[in-house]
Amino acid sequence: MRALANGVPRARHHLDLGPELALLGGQRLELAGEEQAVVGALDGRLNREPGAGQLRLDLSGLARGEVRAQLLAVIEALAPRFDRILLDTGAGISDVVLYAVSLAGDVVLVVTPEPASMTDAYATVKVLSSQQRRGTIRLVVNQVGRLGEGRAVRAQLQRVIDRYVNPAAEPAVSLDLLGDVPDDAAVREAVQKRQLLLEVYPGSAAAKAIGALAERLAP
């Protein structure tokens, strides 16, 4: 499977990518063509499109119609080359985030078992239901500490959604648990080394879980 990941700005620092590859927004977007927008990794199996989060910094940006059109044009040019294009929007429900999500056929919501994260996830689901009429939303639970915690988080969120969102939702929202990723020291060590987890610790629990998620996302 080949996929394109659109990453948050701090990934530039984690992976030692130069600043000239960190922007795909504002005026830079007007200059960035298909080849400029993609960085190769993992022996060609994964490519990384730099800097969705950076769009929020230079972009008052996606507020402008012509910039949105240019972003969409880049995505459409890349689409035939990949099985999946992953747009990492970052946290929150700003207009920029919601616009990026509106381009996606499927939504994958990443949450941790922390109460603040679950509250944010509920708020995101509520907005996606009311503004974009999303029905099925796929869920990844990150940093789980025990077996079955991902299922428990999904069940808890679904109960709240069923009570407060679904009575007025059309269609009703259903959370589809894509999988979970364990809290793993290997992730922090990979970040400290500024390298990809799957390259430096491919046998780690988190790397194996991410690999399983990628298989489930495969067309």
C-alpha atoms as a PDB file:
ATOM      1  CA  MET A   1       0.000   0.000   0.000  1.00  0.00           C
ATOM      2  CA  ARG A   2       1.219   3.508  -0.826  1.00  0.00           C
ATOM      3  CA  ALA A   3      -0.148   6.413   1.159  1.00  0.00           C
ATOM      4  CA  LEU A   4       0.374  10.141   1.395  1.00  0.00           C
ATOM      5  CA  ALA A   5       0.439  11.705   4.832  1.00  0.00           C
ATOM      6  CA  ASN A   6      -0.090  15.413   5.353  1.00  0.00           C
ATOM      7  CA  GLY A   7       1.762  16.187   8.571  1.00  0.00           C
ATOM      8  CA  VAL A   8       1.777  18.751  11.342  1.00  0.00           C
ATOM      9  CA  PRO A   9       4.681  21.274  11.443  1.00  0.00           C
ATOM     10  CA  ARG A  10       6.547  19.656  14.337  1.00  0.00           C
ATOM     11  CA  ALA A  11       7.126  16.581  12.150  1.00  0.00           C
ATOM     12  CA  ARG A  12       9.568  18.759  10.238  1.00  0.00           C
ATOM     13  CA  HIS A  13      11.712  18.966  13.353  1.00  0.00           C
ATOM     14  CA  HIS A  14      11.275  15.298  14.277  1.00  0.00           C
ATOM     15  CA  LEU A  15      12.407  14.118  10.829  1.00  0.00           C
ATOM     16  CA  ASP A  16      15.062  16.756  10.036  1.00  0.00           C
ATOM     17  CA  LEU A  17      13.161  18.083   7.030  1.00  0.00           C
ATOM     18  CA  GLY A  18      14.404  21.431   5.818  1.00  0.00           C
ATOM     19  CA  PRO A  19      12.165  24.479   6.123  1.00  0.00           C
ATOM     20  CA  GLU A  20      11.906  24.714   2.330  1.00  0.00           C
ATOM     21  CA  LEU A  21       9.851  21.508   2.481  1.00  0.00           C
ATOM     22  CA  ALA A  22       7.761  22.503   5.462  1.00  0.00           C
ATOM     23  CA  LEU A  23       5.216  24.762   3.832  1.00  0.00           C
ATOM     24  CA  LEU A  24       2.307  23.994   1.622  1.00  0.00           C
ATOM     25  CA  GLY A  25       0.262  27.053   2.399  1.00  0.00           C
ATOM     26  CA  GLY A  26      -0.250  30.729   1.760  1.00  0.00           C
ATOM     27  CA  GLN A  27       1.964  32.055  -1.025  1.00  0.00           C
ATOM     28  CA  ARG A  28       4.080  28.901  -0.875  1.00  0.00           C
ATOM     29  CA  LEU A  29       1.061  26.896  -1.979  1.00  0.00           C
ATOM     30  CA  GLU A  30       0.841  29.046  -5.079  1.00  0.00           C
ATOM     31  CA  LEU A  31       4.383  27.937  -5.985  1.00  0.00           C
ATOM     32  CA  ALA A  32       4.250  24.313  -4.821  1.00  0.00           C
ATOM     33  CA  GLY A  33       3.598  21.838  -7.560  1.00  0.00           C
ATOM     34  CA  GLU A  34       2.962  18.128  -7.274  1.00  0.00           C
ATOM     35  CA  GLU A  35       6.634  17.116  -7.040  1.00  0.00           C
ATOM     36  CA  GLN A  36       7.548  19.894  -4.602  1.00  0.00           C
ATOM     37  CA  ALA A  37       4.752  18.829  -2.284  1.00  0.00           C
ATOM     38  CA  VAL A  38       5.944  15.266  -1.676  1.00  0.00           C
ATOM     39  CA  VAL A  39       8.849  13.891   0.341  1.00  0.00           C
ATOM     40  CA  GLY A  40       9.719  10.182   0.039  1.00  0.00           C
ATOM     41  CA  ALA A  41      10.127   7.899   3.063  1.00  0.00           C
ATOM     42  CA  LEU A  42      10.003   4.221   4.026  1.00  0.00           C
ATOM     43  CA  ASP A  43      11.447   2.971   0.722  1.00  0.00           C
ATOM     44  CA  GLY A  44       8.710   4.590  -1.312  1.00  0.00           C
ATOM     45  CA  ARG A  45       5.831   2.983   0.567  1.00  0.00           C
ATOM     46  CA  LEU A  46       4.954   6.226   2.323  1.00  0.00           C
ATOM     47  CA  ASN A  47       5.292   9.783   1.135  1.00  0.00           C
ATOM     48  CA  ARG A  48       4.840  12.786   3.324  1.00  0.00           C
ATOM     49  CA  GLU A  49       3.236  16.004   2.196  1.00  0.00           C
ATOM     50  CA  PRO A  50       4.709  18.719   4.407  1.00  0.00           C
ATOM     51  CA  GLY A  51       2.901  20.860   6.868  1.00  0.00           C
ATOM     52  CA  ALA A  52      -0.893  20.962   7.158  1.00  0.00           C
ATOM     53  CA  GLY A  53      -0.573  22.676  10.495  1.00  0.00           C
ATOM     54  CA  GLN A  54       1.587  25.288   8.837  1.00  0.00           C
ATOM     55  CA  LEU A  55      -1.438  26.251   6.788  1.00  0.00           C
ATOM     56  CA  ARG A  56      -2.959  27.701   9.921  1.00  0.00           C
ATOM     57  CA  LEU A  57       0.126  29.828  10.505  1.00  0.00           C
ATOM     58  CA  ASP A  58       0.527  31.423   7.090  1.00  0.00           C
ATOM     59  CA  LEU A  59      -3.009  30.903   6.153  1.00  0.00           C
ATOM     60  CA  SER A  60      -5.446  33.175   7.066  1.00  0.00           C
ATOM     61  CA  GLY A  61      -5.170  31.266   4.023  1.00  0.00           C
ATOM     62  CA  LEU A  62      -7.672  28.554   3.575  1.00  0.00           C
ATOM     63  CA  ALA A  63     -10.130  31.328   4.264  1.00  0.00           C
ATOM     64  CA  ARG A  64      -9.334  32.533   0.744  1.00  0.00           C
ATOM     65  CA  GLY A  65     -11.200  30.784  -2.034  1.00  0.00           C
ATOM     66  CA  GLU A  66      -8.308  30.783  -4.482  1.00  0.00           C
ATOM     67  CA  VAL A  67      -5.973  29.142  -1.948  1.00  0.00           C
ATOM     68  CA  ARG A  68      -8.547  26.453  -1.200  1.00  0.00           C
ATOM     69  CA  ALA A  69      -8.847  25.806  -4.913  1.00  0.00           C
ATOM     70  CA  GLN A  70      -5.067  25.461  -5.233  1.00  0.00           C
ATOM     71  CA  LEU A  71      -4.894  23.027  -2.324  1.00  0.00           C
ATOM     72  CA  LEU A  72      -7.658  20.945  -3.865  1.00  0.00           C
ATOM     73  CA  ALA A  73      -5.826  20.983  -7.207  1.00  0.00           C
ATOM     74  CA  VAL A  74      -2.632  19.626  -5.597  1.00  0.00           C
ATOM     75  CA  ILE A  75      -4.582  16.837  -3.877  1.00  0.00           C
ATOM     76  CA  GLU A  76      -6.383  15.926  -7.096  1.00  0.00           C
ATOM     77  CA  ALA A  77      -3.066  15.797  -8.973  1.00  0.00           C
ATOM     78  CA  LEU A  78      -1.577  13.467  -6.370  1.00  0.00           C
ATOM     79  CA  ALA A  79      -4.611  11.208  -5.961  1.00  0.00           C
ATOM     80  CA  PRO A  80      -3.968   8.865  -8.934  1.00  0.00           C
ATOM     81  CA  ARG A  81      -0.536   7.971  -7.539  1.00  0.00           C
ATOM     82  CA  PHE A  82      -1.670   6.722  -4.145  1.00  0.00           C
ATOM     83  CA  ASP A  83      -4.113   4.260  -2.606  1.00  0.00           C
ATOM     84  CA  ARG A  84      -4.904   6.703   0.187  1.00  0.00           C
ATOM     85  CA  ILE A  85      -4.189  10.363   0.886  1.00  0.00           C
ATOM     86  CA  LEU A  86      -4.111  11.096   4.605  1.00  0.00           C
ATOM     87  CA  LEU A  87      -4.778  14.685   5.651  1.00  0.00           C
ATOM     88  CA  ASP A  88      -3.569  15.236   9.209  1.00  0.00           C
ATOM     89  CA  THR A  89      -5.551  18.274  10.259  1.00  0.00           C
ATOM     90  CA  GLY A  90      -4.261  18.569  13.815  1.00  0.00           C
ATOM     91  CA  ALA A  91      -6.536  19.225  16.776  1.00  0.00           C
ATOM     92  CA  GLY A  92      -9.516  21.519  17.014  1.00  0.00           C
ATOM     93  CA  ILE A  93     -12.481  22.481  14.869  1.00  0.00           C
ATOM     94  CA  SER A  94     -11.286  25.693  13.236  1.00  0.00           C
ATOM     95  CA  ASP A  95     -12.494  26.634   9.757  1.00  0.00           C
ATOM     96  CA  VAL A  96      -9.184  25.401   8.316  1.00  0.00           C
ATOM     97  CA  VAL A  97      -9.583  21.998   9.962  1.00  0.00           C
ATOM     98  CA  LEU A  98     -13.213  21.662   8.924  1.00  0.00           C
ATOM     99  CA  TYR A  99     -12.406  22.593   5.333  1.00  0.00           C
ATOM    100  CA  ALA A 100      -9.639  19.971   5.160  1.00  0.00           C
ATOM    101  CA  VAL A 101     -11.987  17.362   6.636  1.00  0.00           C
ATOM    102  CA  SER A 102     -14.634  18.274   4.069  1.00  0.00           C
ATOM    103  CA  LEU A 103     -12.229  17.113   1.334  1.00  0.00           C
ATOM    104  CA  ALA A 104     -12.022  13.614   2.826  1.00  0.00           C
ATOM    105  CA  GLY A 105     -14.168  10.662   1.891  1.00  0.00           C
ATOM    106  CA  ASP A 106     -13.539   9.057   5.274  1.00  0.00           C
ATOM    107  CA  VAL A 107     -12.815  10.606   8.656  1.00  0.00           C
ATOM    108  CA  VAL A 108     -10.465   8.987  11.179  1.00  0.00           C
ATOM    109  CA  LEU A 109     -10.653  10.584  14.617  1.00  0.00           C
ATOM    110  CA  VAL A 110      -7.626  10.052  16.870  1.00  0.00           C
ATOM    111  CA  VAL A 111      -8.291  10.205  20.594  1.00  0.00           C
ATOM    112  CA  THR A 112      -6.490   9.251  23.804  1.00  0.00           C
ATOM    113  CA  PRO A 113      -8.144   7.918  26.969  1.00  0.00           C
ATOM    114  CA  GLU A 114      -7.592  11.279  28.682  1.00  0.00           C
ATOM    115  CA  PRO A 115     -10.834  13.104  29.603  1.00  0.00           C
ATOM    116  CA  ALA A 116      -9.791  16.301  27.789  1.00  0.00           C
ATOM    117  CA  SER A 117      -9.119  14.379  24.583  1.00  0.00           C
ATOM    118  CA  MET A 118     -12.436  12.564  24.789  1.00  0.00           C
ATOM    119  CA  THR A 119     -14.253  15.858  25.350  1.00  0.00           C
ATOM    120  CA  ASP A 120     -12.564  17.313  22.257  1.00  0.00           C
ATOM    121  CA  ALA A 121     -13.465  14.188  20.279  1.00  0.00           C
ATOM    122  CA  TYR A 122     -17.133  14.504  21.258  1.00  0.00           C
ATOM    123  CA  ALA A 123     -17.147  18.184  20.226  1.00  0.00           C
ATOM    124  CA  THR A 124     -15.572  17.283  16.882  1.00  0.00           C
ATOM    125  CA  VAL A 125     -18.127  14.544  16.218  1.00  0.00           C
ATOM    126  CA  LYS A 126     -20.961  16.915  17.059  1.00  0.00           C
ATOM    127  CA  VAL A 127     -19.731  19.534  14.574  1.00  0.00           C
ATOM    128  CA  LEU A 128     -19.027  16.976  11.827  1.00  0.00           C
ATOM    129  CA  SER A 129     -22.515  15.574  12.271  1.00  0.00           C
ATOM    130  CA  SER A 130     -24.289  18.925  12.156  1.00  0.00           C
ATOM    131  CA  GLN A 131     -22.185  20.653   9.476  1.00  0.00           C
ATOM    132  CA  GLN A 132     -21.065  17.791   7.225  1.00  0.00           C
ATOM    133  CA  ARG A 133     -23.729  15.131   7.859  1.00  0.00           C
ATOM    134  CA  ARG A 134     -21.094  12.529   8.688  1.00  0.00           C
ATOM    135  CA  GLY A 135     -22.506   9.147   9.614  1.00  0.00           C
ATOM    136  CA  THR A 136     -19.680   6.680  10.149  1.00  0.00           C
ATOM    137  CA  ILE A 137     -16.552   8.101  11.775  1.00  0.00           C
ATOM    138  CA  ARG A 138     -13.585   5.805  12.232  1.00  0.00           C
ATOM    139  CA  LEU A 139     -11.776   5.933  15.565  1.00  0.00           C
ATOM    140  CA  VAL A 140      -8.155   5.321  16.596  1.00  0.00           C
ATOM    141  CA  VAL A 141      -7.391   5.311  20.315  1.00  0.00           C
ATOM    142  CA  ASN A 142      -3.784   6.320  20.946  1.00  0.00           C
ATOM    143  CA  GLN A 143      -1.633   5.766  24.052  1.00  0.00           C
ATOM    144  CA  VAL A 144      -3.744   2.992  25.524  1.00  0.00           C
ATOM    145  CA  GLY A 145      -2.416   1.474  28.726  1.00  0.00           C
ATOM    146  CA  ARG A 146      -4.151  -1.899  28.796  1.00  0.00           C
ATOM    147  CA  LEU A 147      -5.803  -4.484  26.591  1.00  0.00           C
ATOM    148  CA  GLY A 148      -9.373  -3.545  25.718  1.00  0.00           C
ATOM    149  CA  GLU A 149      -9.006   0.141  26.590  1.00  0.00           C
ATOM    150  CA  GLY A 150      -9.618   1.169  22.989  1.00  0.00           C
ATOM    151  CA  ARG A 151     -12.963  -0.659  22.938  1.00  0.00           C
ATOM    152  CA  ALA A 152     -13.888   0.926  26.279  1.00  0.00           C
ATOM    153  CA  VAL A 153     -13.120   4.432  24.991  1.00  0.00           C
ATOM    154  CA  ARG A 154     -15.142   3.805  21.852  1.00  0.00           C
ATOM    155  CA  ALA A 155     -18.101   2.506  23.883  1.00  0.00           C
ATOM    156  CA  GLN A 156     -18.019   5.487  26.232  1.00  0.00           C
ATOM    157  CA  LEU A 157     -17.914   8.003  23.391  1.00  0.00           C
ATOM    158  CA  GLN A 158     -20.691   6.198  21.507  1.00  0.00           C
ATOM    159  CA  ARG A 159     -22.949   6.308  24.568  1.00  0.00           C
ATOM    160  CA  VAL A 160     -22.511  10.078  24.841  1.00  0.00           C
ATOM    161  CA  ILE A 161     -23.073  10.538  21.108  1.00  0.00           C
ATOM    162  CA  ASP A 162     -26.193   8.381  21.198  1.00  0.00           C
ATOM    163  CA  ARG A 163     -27.577  10.484  24.014  1.00  0.00           C
ATOM    164  CA  TYR A 164     -26.683  14.016  22.906  1.00  0.00           C
ATOM    165  CA  VAL A 165     -25.994  13.934  19.142  1.00  0.00           C
ATOM    166  CA  ASN A 166     -27.957  11.134  17.492  1.00  0.00           C
ATOM    167  CA  PRO A 167     -31.477  12.169  18.559  1.00  0.00           C
ATOM    168  CA  ALA A 168     -31.184  15.135  16.174  1.00  0.00           C
ATOM    169  CA  ALA A 169     -28.661  13.692  13.726  1.00  0.00           C
ATOM    170  CA  GLU A 170     -29.411  12.603  10.192  1.00  0.00           C
ATOM    171  CA  PRO A 171     -27.778  10.215   9.610  1.00  0.00           C
ATOM    172  CA  ALA A 172     -27.027   8.903  13.087  1.00  0.00           C
ATOM    173  CA  VAL A 173     -23.332   8.852  13.973  1.00  0.00           C
ATOM    174  CA  SER A 174     -21.625   5.504  14.488  1.00  0.00           C
ATOM    175  CA  LEU A 175     -18.031   5.193  15.679  1.00  0.00           C
ATOM    176  CA  ASP A 176     -16.090   2.441  13.925  1.00  0.00           C
ATOM    177  CA  LEU A 177     -13.063   1.417  16.003  1.00  0.00           C
ATOM    178  CA  LEU A 178     -10.185   1.120  13.555  1.00  0.00           C
ATOM    179  CA  GLY A 179      -7.784   0.074  16.300  1.00  0.00           C
ATOM    180  CA  ASP A 180      -5.604   1.319  19.117  1.00  0.00           C
ATOM    181  CA  VAL A 181      -1.940   2.116  19.674  1.00  0.00           C
ATOM    182  CA  PRO A 182      -0.278   1.347  23.011  1.00  0.00           C
ATOM    183  CA  ASP A 183       1.595   3.882  25.092  1.00  0.00           C
ATOM    184  CA  ASP A 184       5.151   2.915  24.114  1.00  0.00           C
ATOM    185  CA  ALA A 185       8.523   4.364  25.136  1.00  0.00           C
ATOM    186  CA  ALA A 186       9.775   3.553  21.635  1.00  0.00           C
ATOM    187  CA  VAL A 187       7.664   6.422  20.262  1.00  0.00           C
ATOM    188  CA  ARG A 188       9.364   8.962  22.523  1.00  0.00           C
ATOM    189  CA  GLU A 189      12.777   7.524  21.700  1.00  0.00           C
ATOM    190  CA  ALA A 190      12.112   7.771  17.967  1.00  0.00           C
ATOM    191  CA  VAL A 191      11.068  11.408  18.409  1.00  0.00           C
ATOM    192  CA  GLN A 192      14.243  12.129  20.366  1.00  0.00           C
ATOM    193  CA  LYS A 193      16.282  10.547  17.560  1.00  0.00           C
ATOM    194  CA  ARG A 194      14.260  12.500  14.995  1.00  0.00           C
ATOM    195  CA  GLN A 195      13.569   9.348  13.021  1.00  0.00           C
ATOM    196  CA  LEU A 196      10.506   7.407  11.917  1.00  0.00           C
ATOM    197  CA  LEU A 197       9.258   4.896  14.467  1.00  0.00           C
ATOM    198  CA  LEU A 198       8.713   2.185  11.847  1.00  0.00           C
ATOM    199  CA  GLU A 199      12.308   2.547  10.667  1.00  0.00           C
ATOM    200  CA  VAL A 200      14.148   2.586  13.996  1.00  0.00           C
ATOM    201  CA  TYR A 201      11.869   0.381  16.118  1.00  0.00           C
ATOM    202  CA  PRO A 202       9.864  -1.739  13.648  1.00  0.00           C
ATOM    203  CA  GLY A 203       9.343  -4.478  16.230  1.00  0.00           C
ATOM    204  CA  SER A 204       7.955  -2.175  18.919  1.00  0.00           C
ATOM    205  CA  ALA A 205       4.378  -2.582  20.109  1.00  0.00           C
ATOM    206  CA  ALA A 206       3.385   0.837  18.770  1.00  0.00           C
ATOM    207  CA  ALA A 207       4.961   0.187  15.356  1.00  0.00           C
ATOM    208  CA  LYS A 208       3.136  -3.138  15.030  1.00  0.00           C
ATOM    209  CA  ALA A 209      -0.144  -1.476  15.992  1.00  0.00           C
ATOM    210  CA  ILE A 210       0.372   1.286  13.421  1.00  0.00           C
ATOM    211  CA  GLY A 211       1.136  -1.345  10.787  1.00  0.00           C
ATOM    212  CA  ALA A 212      -2.120  -3.104  11.624  1.00  0.00           C
ATOM    213  CA  LEU A 213      -4.005   0.192  11.293  1.00  0.00           C
ATOM    214  CA  ALA A 214      -2.450   0.768   7.864  1.00  0.00           C
ATOM    215  CA  GLU A 215      -3.580  -2.684   6.726  1.00  0.00           C
ATOM    216  CA  ARG A 216      -7.144  -1.936   7.832  1.00  0.00           C
ATOM    217  CA  LEU A 217      -7.073   1.330   5.902  1.00  0.00           C
ATOM    218  CA  ALA A 218      -5.927  -0.395   2.711  1.00  0.00           C
ATOM    219  CA  PRO A 219      -8.524  -0.226  -0.069  1.00  0.00           C
END
